């Protein structure tokens, strides 16, 4: 379909072209809204089952206590990251509430 078709005398876009474009835009918006709703429904269902979204922490819950205790004893974030073979950001996340 030619979406640039114009009326021979007035030079305006044909009304069927305008209608087609508006219909396609409306269908796209509807699809996006439905997808958004399905995503939210899925997240709510997962939350109800006890799952939570997002990436898993690089440091397991078992190691987090050790990391926090060692950090409070004065060990640096960089040293803890080397010891546990994770990034410094992962260590900062584990000890976030202990940081100044």
PDB file of N, CA and C in Angstrom:
ATOM      1  N   UNK A   1       0.841  -1.173   0.000  1.00  0.00           N
ATOM      2  CA  UNK A   1       0.000   0.000   0.000  1.00  0.00           C
ATOM      3  C   UNK A   1       0.885   1.235   0.000  1.00  0.00           C
ATOM      4  N   UNK A   2       0.527   2.194  -0.784  1.00  0.00           N
ATOM      5  CA  UNK A   2       1.269   3.441  -0.878  1.00  0.00           C
ATOM      6  C   UNK A   2       0.780   4.393   0.210  1.00  0.00           C
ATOM      7  N   UNK A   3       1.612   4.646   1.198  1.00  0.00           N
ATOM      8  CA  UNK A   3       1.225   5.531   2.298  1.00  0.00           C
ATOM      9  C   UNK A   3       1.512   6.996   1.996  1.00  0.00           C
ATOM     10  N   UNK A   4       1.948   7.265   0.762  1.00  0.00           N
ATOM     11  CA  UNK A   4       2.192   8.650   0.370  1.00  0.00           C
ATOM     12  C   UNK A   4       1.177   9.114  -0.672  1.00  0.00           C
ATOM     13  N   UNK A   5       0.128   8.319  -0.892  1.00  0.00           N
ATOM     14  CA  UNK A   5      -0.865   8.655  -1.921  1.00  0.00           C
ATOM     15  C   UNK A   5      -1.582   9.952  -1.552  1.00  0.00           C
ATOM     16  N   UNK A   6      -1.678  10.839  -2.510  1.00  0.00           N
ATOM     17  CA  UNK A   6      -2.305  12.136  -2.292  1.00  0.00           C
ATOM     18  C   UNK A   6      -3.452  12.338  -3.269  1.00  0.00           C
ATOM     19  N   UNK A   7      -4.363  13.173  -2.851  1.00  0.00           N
ATOM     20  CA  UNK A   7      -5.505  13.504  -3.713  1.00  0.00           C
ATOM     21  C   UNK A   7      -4.984  14.276  -4.922  1.00  0.00           C
ATOM     22  N   UNK A   8      -5.485  13.939  -6.128  1.00  0.00           N
ATOM     23  CA  UNK A   8      -4.935  14.571  -7.334  1.00  0.00           C
ATOM     24  C   UNK A   8      -5.132  16.082  -7.392  1.00  0.00           C
ATOM     25  N   UNK A   9      -6.238  16.596  -6.870  1.00  0.00           N
ATOM     26  CA  UNK A   9      -6.493  18.036  -6.966  1.00  0.00           C
ATOM     27  C   UNK A   9      -5.986  18.822  -5.770  1.00  0.00           C
ATOM     28  N   UNK A  10      -6.236  18.314  -4.558  1.00  0.00           N
ATOM     29  CA  UNK A  10      -5.890  19.087  -3.354  1.00  0.00           C
ATOM     30  C   UNK A  10      -4.477  18.820  -2.858  1.00  0.00           C
ATOM     31  N   UNK A  11      -3.932  17.674  -3.170  1.00  0.00           N
ATOM     32  CA  UNK A  11      -2.589  17.334  -2.716  1.00  0.00           C
ATOM     33  C   UNK A  11      -2.532  16.830  -1.289  1.00  0.00           C
ATOM     34  N   UNK A  12      -3.692  16.679  -0.650  1.00  0.00           N
ATOM     35  CA  UNK A  12      -3.720  16.175   0.723  1.00  0.00           C
ATOM     36  C   UNK A  12      -3.607  14.660   0.713  1.00  0.00           C
ATOM     37  N   UNK A  13      -3.136  14.125   1.835  1.00  0.00           N
ATOM     38  CA  UNK A  13      -3.099  12.668   1.965  1.00  0.00           C
ATOM     39  C   UNK A  13      -4.515  12.123   1.854  1.00  0.00           C
ATOM     40  N   UNK A  14      -4.637  10.983   1.218  1.00  0.00           N
ATOM     41  CA  UNK A  14      -5.950  10.364   1.102  1.00  0.00           C
ATOM     42  C   UNK A  14      -6.447   9.946   2.474  1.00  0.00           C
ATOM     43  N   UNK A  15      -7.744  10.049   2.684  1.00  0.00           N
ATOM     44  CA  UNK A  15      -8.316   9.708   3.985  1.00  0.00           C
ATOM     45  C   UNK A  15      -8.108   8.236   4.313  1.00  0.00           C
ATOM     46  N   UNK A  16      -8.076   7.366   3.327  1.00  0.00           N
ATOM     47  CA  UNK A  16      -7.842   5.944   3.595  1.00  0.00           C
ATOM     48  C   UNK A  16      -6.425   5.726   4.116  1.00  0.00           C
ATOM     49  N   UNK A  17      -5.478   6.536   3.628  1.00  0.00           N
ATOM     50  CA  UNK A  17      -4.102   6.444   4.120  1.00  0.00           C
ATOM     51  C   UNK A  17      -4.051   6.879   5.576  1.00  0.00           C
ATOM     52  N   UNK A  18      -4.696   7.992   5.896  1.00  0.00           N
ATOM     53  CA  UNK A  18      -4.737   8.467   7.282  1.00  0.00           C
ATOM     54  C   UNK A  18      -5.383   7.428   8.189  1.00  0.00           C
ATOM     55  N   UNK A  19      -6.498   6.848   7.716  1.00  0.00           N
ATOM     56  CA  UNK A  19      -7.207   5.839   8.507  1.00  0.00           C
ATOM     57  C   UNK A  19      -6.321   4.617   8.741  1.00  0.00           C
ATOM     58  N   UNK A  20      -5.626   4.171   7.718  1.00  0.00           N
ATOM     59  CA  UNK A  20      -4.772   2.991   7.844  1.00  0.00           C
ATOM     60  C   UNK A  20      -3.646   3.232   8.845  1.00  0.00           C
ATOM     61  N   UNK A  21      -3.019   4.381   8.746  1.00  0.00           N
ATOM     62  CA  UNK A  21      -1.915   4.694   9.661  1.00  0.00           C
ATOM     63  C   UNK A  21      -2.422   4.781  11.094  1.00  0.00           C
ATOM     64  N   UNK A  22      -3.550   5.456  11.306  1.00  0.00           N
ATOM     65  CA  UNK A  22      -4.105   5.572  12.653  1.00  0.00           C
ATOM     66  C   UNK A  22      -4.500   4.210  13.213  1.00  0.00           C
ATOM     67  N   UNK A  23      -5.022   3.338  12.374  1.00  0.00           N
ATOM     68  CA  UNK A  23      -5.401   1.996  12.813  1.00  0.00           C
ATOM     69  C   UNK A  23      -4.170   1.186  13.220  1.00  0.00           C
ATOM     70  N   UNK A  24      -3.111   1.287  12.431  1.00  0.00           N
ATOM     71  CA  UNK A  24      -1.879   0.565  12.766  1.00  0.00           C
ATOM     72  C   UNK A  24      -1.267   1.077  14.066  1.00  0.00           C
ATOM     73  N   UNK A  25      -1.304   2.376  14.272  1.00  0.00           N
ATOM     74  CA  UNK A  25      -0.784   2.961  15.513  1.00  0.00           C
ATOM     75  C   UNK A  25      -1.604   2.491  16.713  1.00  0.00           C
ATOM     76  N   UNK A  26      -2.933   2.492  16.558  1.00  0.00           N
ATOM     77  CA  UNK A  26      -3.806   2.043  17.652  1.00  0.00           C
ATOM     78  C   UNK A  26      -3.566   0.573  17.974  1.00  0.00           C
ATOM     79  N   UNK A  27      -3.379  -0.248  16.947  1.00  0.00           N
ATOM     80  CA  UNK A  27      -3.115  -1.669  17.182  1.00  0.00           C
ATOM     81  C   UNK A  27      -1.789  -1.854  17.913  1.00  0.00           C
ATOM     82  N   UNK A  28      -0.781  -1.074  17.556  1.00  0.00           N
ATOM     83  CA  UNK A  28       0.510  -1.151  18.246  1.00  0.00           C
ATOM     84  C   UNK A  28       0.405  -0.747  19.702  1.00  0.00           C
ATOM     85  N   UNK A  29      -0.354   0.303  19.983  1.00  0.00           N
ATOM     86  CA  UNK A  29      -0.536   0.727  21.373  1.00  0.00           C
ATOM     87  C   UNK A  29      -1.278  -0.321  22.183  1.00  0.00           C
ATOM     88  N   UNK A  30      -2.278  -0.930  21.578  1.00  0.00           N
ATOM     89  CA  UNK A  30      -3.022  -1.982  22.255  1.00  0.00           C
ATOM     90  C   UNK A  30      -2.123  -3.165  22.575  1.00  0.00           C
ATOM     91  N   UNK A  31      -1.295  -3.556  21.616  1.00  0.00           N
ATOM     92  CA  UNK A  31      -0.384  -4.670  21.837  1.00  0.00           C
ATOM     93  C   UNK A  31       0.604  -4.344  22.961  1.00  0.00           C
ATOM     94  N   UNK A  32       1.125  -3.120  22.974  1.00  0.00           N
ATOM     95  CA  UNK A  32       2.072  -2.725  24.010  1.00  0.00           C
ATOM     96  C   UNK A  32       1.401  -2.733  25.389  1.00  0.00           C
ATOM     97  N   UNK A  33       0.159  -2.246  25.464  1.00  0.00           N
ATOM     98  CA  UNK A  33      -0.565  -2.248  26.733  1.00  0.00           C
ATOM     99  C   UNK A  33      -0.840  -3.666  27.221  1.00  0.00           C
ATOM    100  N   UNK A  34      -1.215  -4.556  26.311  1.00  0.00           N
ATOM    101  CA  UNK A  34      -1.469  -5.942  26.696  1.00  0.00           C
ATOM    102  C   UNK A  34      -0.195  -6.609  27.197  1.00  0.00           C
ATOM    103  N   UNK A  35       0.915  -6.355  26.505  1.00  0.00           N
ATOM    104  CA  UNK A  35       2.190  -6.948  26.920  1.00  0.00           C
ATOM    105  C   UNK A  35       2.588  -6.439  28.296  1.00  0.00           C
ATOM    106  N   UNK A  36       2.386  -5.137  28.545  1.00  0.00           N
ATOM    107  CA  UNK A  36       2.724  -4.560  29.843  1.00  0.00           C
ATOM    108  C   UNK A  36       1.880  -5.205  30.944  1.00  0.00           C
ATOM    109  N   UNK A  37       0.592  -5.396  30.662  1.00  0.00           N
ATOM    110  CA  UNK A  37      -0.290  -6.008  31.646  1.00  0.00           C
ATOM    111  C   UNK A  37       0.112  -7.457  31.925  1.00  0.00           C
ATOM    112  N   UNK A  38       0.468  -8.199  30.877  1.00  0.00           N
ATOM    113  CA  UNK A  38       0.899  -9.579  31.070  1.00  0.00           C
ATOM    114  C   UNK A  38       2.176  -9.644  31.896  1.00  0.00           C
ATOM    115  N   UNK A  39       3.072  -8.707  31.678  1.00  0.00           N
ATOM    116  CA  UNK A  39       4.315  -8.684  32.442  1.00  0.00           C
ATOM    117  C   UNK A  39       4.031  -8.424  33.914  1.00  0.00           C
ATOM    118  N   UNK A  40       3.186  -7.440  34.204  1.00  0.00           N
ATOM    119  CA  UNK A  40       2.845  -7.152  35.594  1.00  0.00           C
ATOM    120  C   UNK A  40       2.122  -8.326  36.244  1.00  0.00           C
ATOM    121  N   UNK A  41       1.230  -8.992  35.511  1.00  0.00           N
ATOM    122  CA  UNK A  41       0.542 -10.162  36.060  1.00  0.00           C
ATOM    123  C   UNK A  41       1.534 -11.258  36.397  1.00  0.00           C
ATOM    124  N   UNK A  42       2.503 -11.469  35.513  1.00  0.00           N
ATOM    125  CA  UNK A  42       3.523 -12.485  35.760  1.00  0.00           C
ATOM    126  C   UNK A  42       4.370 -12.166  36.972  1.00  0.00           C
ATOM    127  N   UNK A  43       4.742 -10.907  37.127  1.00  0.00           N
ATOM    128  CA  UNK A  43       5.539 -10.516  38.288  1.00  0.00           C
ATOM    129  C   UNK A  43       4.747 -10.686  39.581  1.00  0.00           C
ATOM    130  N   UNK A  44       3.458 -10.325  39.546  1.00  0.00           N
ATOM    131  CA  UNK A  44       2.623 -10.497  40.746  1.00  0.00           C
ATOM    132  C   UNK A  44       2.455 -11.985  41.084  1.00  0.00           C
ATOM    133  N   UNK A  45       2.288 -12.836  40.076  1.00  0.00           N
ATOM    134  CA  UNK A  45       2.148 -14.270  40.320  1.00  0.00           C
ATOM    135  C   UNK A  45       3.435 -14.844  40.907  1.00  0.00           C
ATOM    136  N   UNK A  46       4.575 -14.423  40.381  1.00  0.00           N
ATOM    137  CA  UNK A  46       5.856 -14.900  40.911  1.00  0.00           C
ATOM    138  C   UNK A  46       6.055 -14.429  42.347  1.00  0.00           C
ATOM    139  N   UNK A  47       5.663 -13.199  42.625  1.00  0.00           N
ATOM    140  CA  UNK A  47       5.786 -12.666  43.979  1.00  0.00           C
ATOM    141  C   UNK A  47       4.890 -13.430  44.945  1.00  0.00           C
ATOM    142  N   UNK A  48       3.697 -13.815  44.486  1.00  0.00           N
ATOM    143  CA  UNK A  48       2.776 -14.579  45.334  1.00  0.00           C
ATOM    144  C   UNK A  48       3.347 -15.955  45.660  1.00  0.00           C
ATOM    145  N   UNK A  49       4.130 -16.516  44.735  1.00  0.00           N
ATOM    146  CA  UNK A  49       4.749 -17.827  44.971  1.00  0.00           C
ATOM    147  C   UNK A  49       6.007 -17.725  45.823  1.00  0.00           C
ATOM    148  N   UNK A  50       6.439 -16.501  46.100  1.00  0.00           N
ATOM    149  CA  UNK A  50       7.618 -16.330  46.941  1.00  0.00           C
ATOM    150  C   UNK A  50       8.871 -15.991  46.167  1.00  0.00           C
ATOM    151  N   UNK A  51       8.791 -15.920  44.850  1.00  0.00           N
ATOM    152  CA  UNK A  51       9.947 -15.538  44.050  1.00  0.00           C
ATOM    153  C   UNK A  51      10.040 -14.030  44.012  1.00  0.00           C
ATOM    154  N   UNK A  52      11.238 -13.542  43.825  1.00  0.00           N
ATOM    155  CA  UNK A  52      11.368 -12.111  43.633  1.00  0.00           C
ATOM    156  C   UNK A  52      12.176 -11.879  42.371  1.00  0.00           C
ATOM    157  N   UNK A  53      11.873 -10.809  41.696  1.00  0.00           N
ATOM    158  CA  UNK A  53      12.543 -10.521  40.438  1.00  0.00           C
ATOM    159  C   UNK A  53      13.933  -9.983  40.663  1.00  0.00           C
ATOM    160  N   UNK A  54      14.650  -9.861  39.581  1.00  0.00           N
ATOM    161  CA  UNK A  54      15.979  -9.277  39.645  1.00  0.00           C
ATOM    162  C   UNK A  54      17.076 -10.312  39.597  1.00  0.00           C
ATOM    163  N   UNK A  55      18.259  -9.807  39.534  1.00  0.00           N
ATOM    164  CA  UNK A  55      19.434 -10.657  39.443  1.00  0.00           C
ATOM    165  C   UNK A  55      19.781 -11.209  40.812  1.00  0.00           C
ATOM    166  N   UNK A  56      20.272 -12.431  40.833  1.00  0.00           N
ATOM    167  CA  UNK A  56      20.689 -13.023  42.110  1.00  0.00           C
ATOM    168  C   UNK A  56      21.943 -12.317  42.608  1.00  0.00           C
ATOM    169  N   UNK A  57      22.075 -12.193  43.919  1.00  0.00           N
ATOM    170  CA  UNK A  57      23.286 -11.563  44.463  1.00  0.00           C
ATOM    171  C   UNK A  57      24.520 -12.401  44.145  1.00  0.00           C
ATOM    172  N   UNK A  58      25.634 -11.726  43.904  1.00  0.00           N
ATOM    173  CA  UNK A  58      26.878 -12.431  43.587  1.00  0.00           C
ATOM    174  C   UNK A  58      27.408 -13.173  44.810  1.00  0.00           C
ATOM    175  N   UNK A  59      27.060 -12.692  45.989  1.00  0.00           N
ATOM    176  CA  UNK A  59      27.498 -13.324  47.232  1.00  0.00           C
ATOM    177  C   UNK A  59      26.297 -14.018  47.847  1.00  0.00           C
ATOM    178  N   UNK A  60      26.439 -15.310  48.114  1.00  0.00           N
ATOM    179  CA  UNK A  60      25.316 -16.069  48.666  1.00  0.00           C
ATOM    180  C   UNK A  60      24.985 -15.583  50.073  1.00  0.00           C
ATOM    181  N   UNK A  61      23.790 -15.914  50.506  1.00  0.00           N
ATOM    182  CA  UNK A  61      23.347 -15.495  51.841  1.00  0.00           C
ATOM    183  C   UNK A  61      24.251 -16.067  52.925  1.00  0.00           C
ATOM    184  N   UNK A  62      24.759 -17.272  52.702  1.00  0.00           N
ATOM    185  CA  UNK A  62      25.645 -17.893  53.691  1.00  0.00           C
ATOM    186  C   UNK A  62      26.954 -17.113  53.832  1.00  0.00           C
ATOM    187  N   UNK A  63      27.480 -16.611  52.730  1.00  0.00           N
ATOM    188  CA  UNK A  63      28.740 -15.869  52.770  1.00  0.00           C
ATOM    189  C   UNK A  63      28.553 -14.417  53.206  1.00  0.00           C
ATOM    190  N   UNK A  64      27.355 -13.898  53.076  1.00  0.00           N
ATOM    191  CA  UNK A  64      27.113 -12.495  53.396  1.00  0.00           C
ATOM    192  C   UNK A  64      27.443 -12.190  54.851  1.00  0.00           C
ATOM    193  N   UNK A  65      27.048 -13.068  55.749  1.00  0.00           N
ATOM    194  CA  UNK A  65      27.348 -12.842  57.179  1.00  0.00           C
ATOM    195  C   UNK A  65      28.854 -12.793  57.425  1.00  0.00           C
ATOM    196  N   UNK A  66      29.578 -13.682  56.780  1.00  0.00           N
ATOM    197  CA  UNK A  66      31.039 -13.705  56.926  1.00  0.00           C
ATOM    198  C   UNK A  66      31.649 -12.414  56.390  1.00  0.00           C
ATOM    199  N   UNK A  67      31.182 -11.986  55.229  1.00  0.00           N
ATOM    200  CA  UNK A  67      31.701 -10.757  54.619  1.00  0.00           C
ATOM    201  C   UNK A  67      31.417  -9.561  55.524  1.00  0.00           C
ATOM    202  N   UNK A  68      30.208  -9.501  56.061  1.00  0.00           N
ATOM    203  CA  UNK A  68      29.846  -8.370  56.914  1.00  0.00           C
ATOM    204  C   UNK A  68      30.693  -8.351  58.190  1.00  0.00           C
ATOM    205  N   UNK A  69      30.879  -9.508  58.783  1.00  0.00           N
ATOM    206  CA  UNK A  69      31.683  -9.583  60.009  1.00  0.00           C
ATOM    207  C   UNK A  69      33.121  -9.176  59.729  1.00  0.00           C
ATOM    208  N   UNK A  70      33.670  -9.685  58.638  1.00  0.00           N
ATOM    209  CA  UNK A  70      35.053  -9.362  58.287  1.00  0.00           C
ATOM    210  C   UNK A  70      35.205  -7.874  57.972  1.00  0.00           C
ATOM    211  N   UNK A  71      34.201  -7.295  57.326  1.00  0.00           N
ATOM    212  CA  UNK A  71      34.244  -5.863  57.018  1.00  0.00           C
ATOM    213  C   UNK A  71      34.235  -5.041  58.311  1.00  0.00           C
ATOM    214  N   UNK A  72      33.407  -5.440  59.264  1.00  0.00           N
ATOM    215  CA  UNK A  72      33.354  -4.723  60.540  1.00  0.00           C
ATOM    216  C   UNK A  72      34.659  -4.852  61.319  1.00  0.00           C
ATOM    217  N   UNK A  73      35.421  -5.927  61.075  1.00  0.00           N
ATOM    218  CA  UNK A  73      36.712  -6.107  61.744  1.00  0.00           C
ATOM    219  C   UNK A  73      37.799  -5.235  61.122  1.00  0.00           C
ATOM    220  N   UNK A  74      37.473  -4.565  59.981  1.00  0.00           N
ATOM    221  CA  UNK A  74      38.434  -3.641  59.404  1.00  0.00           C
ATOM    222  C   UNK A  74      39.014  -4.046  58.070  1.00  0.00           C
ATOM    223  N   UNK A  75      38.607  -5.145  57.535  1.00  0.00           N
ATOM    224  CA  UNK A  75      39.130  -5.596  56.231  1.00  0.00           C
ATOM    225  C   UNK A  75      38.559  -4.698  55.130  1.00  0.00           C
ATOM    226  N   UNK A  76      39.380  -4.364  54.136  1.00  0.00           N
ATOM    227  CA  UNK A  76      38.942  -3.452  53.080  1.00  0.00           C
ATOM    228  C   UNK A  76      38.012  -4.152  52.086  1.00  0.00           C
ATOM    229  N   UNK A  77      37.259  -3.343  51.378  1.00  0.00           N
ATOM    230  CA  UNK A  77      36.324  -3.870  50.383  1.00  0.00           C
ATOM    231  C   UNK A  77      37.094  -4.570  49.261  1.00  0.00           C
ATOM    232  N   UNK A  78      38.193  -3.984  48.838  1.00  0.00           N
ATOM    233  CA  UNK A  78      38.992  -4.591  47.764  1.00  0.00           C
ATOM    234  C   UNK A  78      39.541  -5.948  48.192  1.00  0.00           C
ATOM    235  N   UNK A  79      40.023  -6.045  49.431  1.00  0.00           N
ATOM    236  CA  UNK A  79      40.557  -7.319  49.918  1.00  0.00           C
ATOM    237  C   UNK A  79      39.462  -8.373  50.007  1.00  0.00           C
ATOM    238  N   UNK A  80      38.285  -7.975  50.478  1.00  0.00           N
ATOM    239  CA  UNK A  80      37.163  -8.919  50.547  1.00  0.00           C
ATOM    240  C   UNK A  80      36.758  -9.385  49.153  1.00  0.00           C
ATOM    241  N   UNK A  81      36.781  -8.474  48.192  1.00  0.00           N
ATOM    242  CA  UNK A  81      36.432  -8.842  46.816  1.00  0.00           C
ATOM    243  C   UNK A  81      37.428  -9.856  46.267  1.00  0.00           C
ATOM    244  N   UNK A  82      38.716  -9.652  46.538  1.00  0.00           N
ATOM    245  CA  UNK A  82      39.725 -10.623  46.086  1.00  0.00           C
ATOM    246  C   UNK A  82      39.534 -11.974  46.775  1.00  0.00           C
ATOM    247  N   UNK A  83      39.268 -11.960  48.062  1.00  0.00           N
ATOM    248  CA  UNK A  83      39.117 -13.202  48.821  1.00  0.00           C
ATOM    249  C   UNK A  83      37.929 -14.035  48.331  1.00  0.00           C
ATOM    250  N   UNK A  84      36.847 -13.371  47.981  1.00  0.00           N
ATOM    251  CA  UNK A  84      35.620 -14.078  47.600  1.00  0.00           C
ATOM    252  C   UNK A  84      35.428 -14.156  46.086  1.00  0.00           C
ATOM    253  N   UNK A  85      36.404 -13.634  45.335  1.00  0.00           N
ATOM    254  CA  UNK A  85      36.391 -13.694  43.873  1.00  0.00           C
ATOM    255  C   UNK A  85      35.123 -13.073  43.277  1.00  0.00           C
ATOM    256  N   UNK A  86      34.779 -11.895  43.787  1.00  0.00           N
ATOM    257  CA  UNK A  86      33.639 -11.127  43.272  1.00  0.00           C
ATOM    258  C   UNK A  86      34.092  -9.679  43.087  1.00  0.00           C
ATOM    259  N   UNK A  87      33.217  -8.870  42.536  1.00  0.00           N
ATOM    260  CA  UNK A  87      33.557  -7.465  42.321  1.00  0.00           C
ATOM    261  C   UNK A  87      33.436  -6.673  43.625  1.00  0.00           C
ATOM    262  N   UNK A  88      34.059  -5.500  43.623  1.00  0.00           N
ATOM    263  CA  UNK A  88      33.938  -4.624  44.789  1.00  0.00           C
ATOM    264  C   UNK A  88      32.498  -4.156  44.956  1.00  0.00           C
ATOM    265  N   UNK A  89      31.778  -4.014  43.831  1.00  0.00           N
ATOM    266  CA  UNK A  89      30.367  -3.622  43.894  1.00  0.00           C
ATOM    267  C   UNK A  89      29.524  -4.656  44.612  1.00  0.00           C
ATOM    268  N   UNK A  90      29.843  -5.942  44.396  1.00  0.00           N
ATOM    269  CA  UNK A  90      29.106  -7.005  45.083  1.00  0.00           C
ATOM    270  C   UNK A  90      29.339  -6.928  46.593  1.00  0.00           C
ATOM    271  N   UNK A  91      30.559  -6.603  46.982  1.00  0.00           N
ATOM    272  CA  UNK A  91      30.868  -6.456  48.412  1.00  0.00           C
ATOM    273  C   UNK A  91      30.135  -5.237  48.973  1.00  0.00           C
ATOM    274  N   UNK A  92      30.143  -4.147  48.209  1.00  0.00           N
ATOM    275  CA  UNK A  92      29.436  -2.945  48.678  1.00  0.00           C
ATOM    276  C   UNK A  92      27.944  -3.218  48.853  1.00  0.00           C
ATOM    277  N   UNK A  93      27.378  -4.015  47.961  1.00  0.00           N
ATOM    278  CA  UNK A  93      25.958  -4.362  48.086  1.00  0.00           C
ATOM    279  C   UNK A  93      25.714  -5.166  49.358  1.00  0.00           C
ATOM    280  N   UNK A  94      26.628  -6.082  49.663  1.00  0.00           N
ATOM    281  CA  UNK A  94      26.465  -6.928  50.850  1.00  0.00           C
ATOM    282  C   UNK A  94      26.589  -6.143  52.137  1.00  0.00           C
ATOM    283  N   UNK A  95      27.400  -5.086  52.113  1.00  0.00           N
ATOM    284  CA  UNK A  95      27.615  -4.316  53.347  1.00  0.00           C
ATOM    285  C   UNK A  95      27.030  -2.908  53.231  1.00  0.00           C
ATOM    286  N   UNK A  96      26.060  -2.716  52.382  1.00  0.00           N
ATOM    287  CA  UNK A  96      25.520  -1.388  52.065  1.00  0.00           C
ATOM    288  C   UNK A  96      25.052  -0.641  53.308  1.00  0.00           C
ATOM    289  N   UNK A  97      24.373  -1.323  54.202  1.00  0.00           N
ATOM    290  CA  UNK A  97      23.835  -0.619  55.388  1.00  0.00           C
ATOM    291  C   UNK A  97      24.932  -0.342  56.427  1.00  0.00           C
ATOM    292  N   UNK A  98      26.117  -0.886  56.233  1.00  0.00           N
ATOM    293  CA  UNK A  98      27.222  -0.641  57.165  1.00  0.00           C
ATOM    294  C   UNK A  98      28.124   0.489  56.692  1.00  0.00           C
ATOM    295  N   UNK A  99      27.968   0.892  55.444  1.00  0.00           N
ATOM    296  CA  UNK A  99      28.825   1.939  54.893  1.00  0.00           C
ATOM    297  C   UNK A  99      28.441   3.293  55.473  1.00  0.00           C
ATOM    298  N   UNK A 100      29.438   4.193  55.586  1.00  0.00           N
ATOM    299  CA  UNK A 100      29.144   5.528  56.132  1.00  0.00           C
ATOM    300  C   UNK A 100      28.293   6.357  55.195  1.00  0.00           C
TER     301      UNK A 100
END
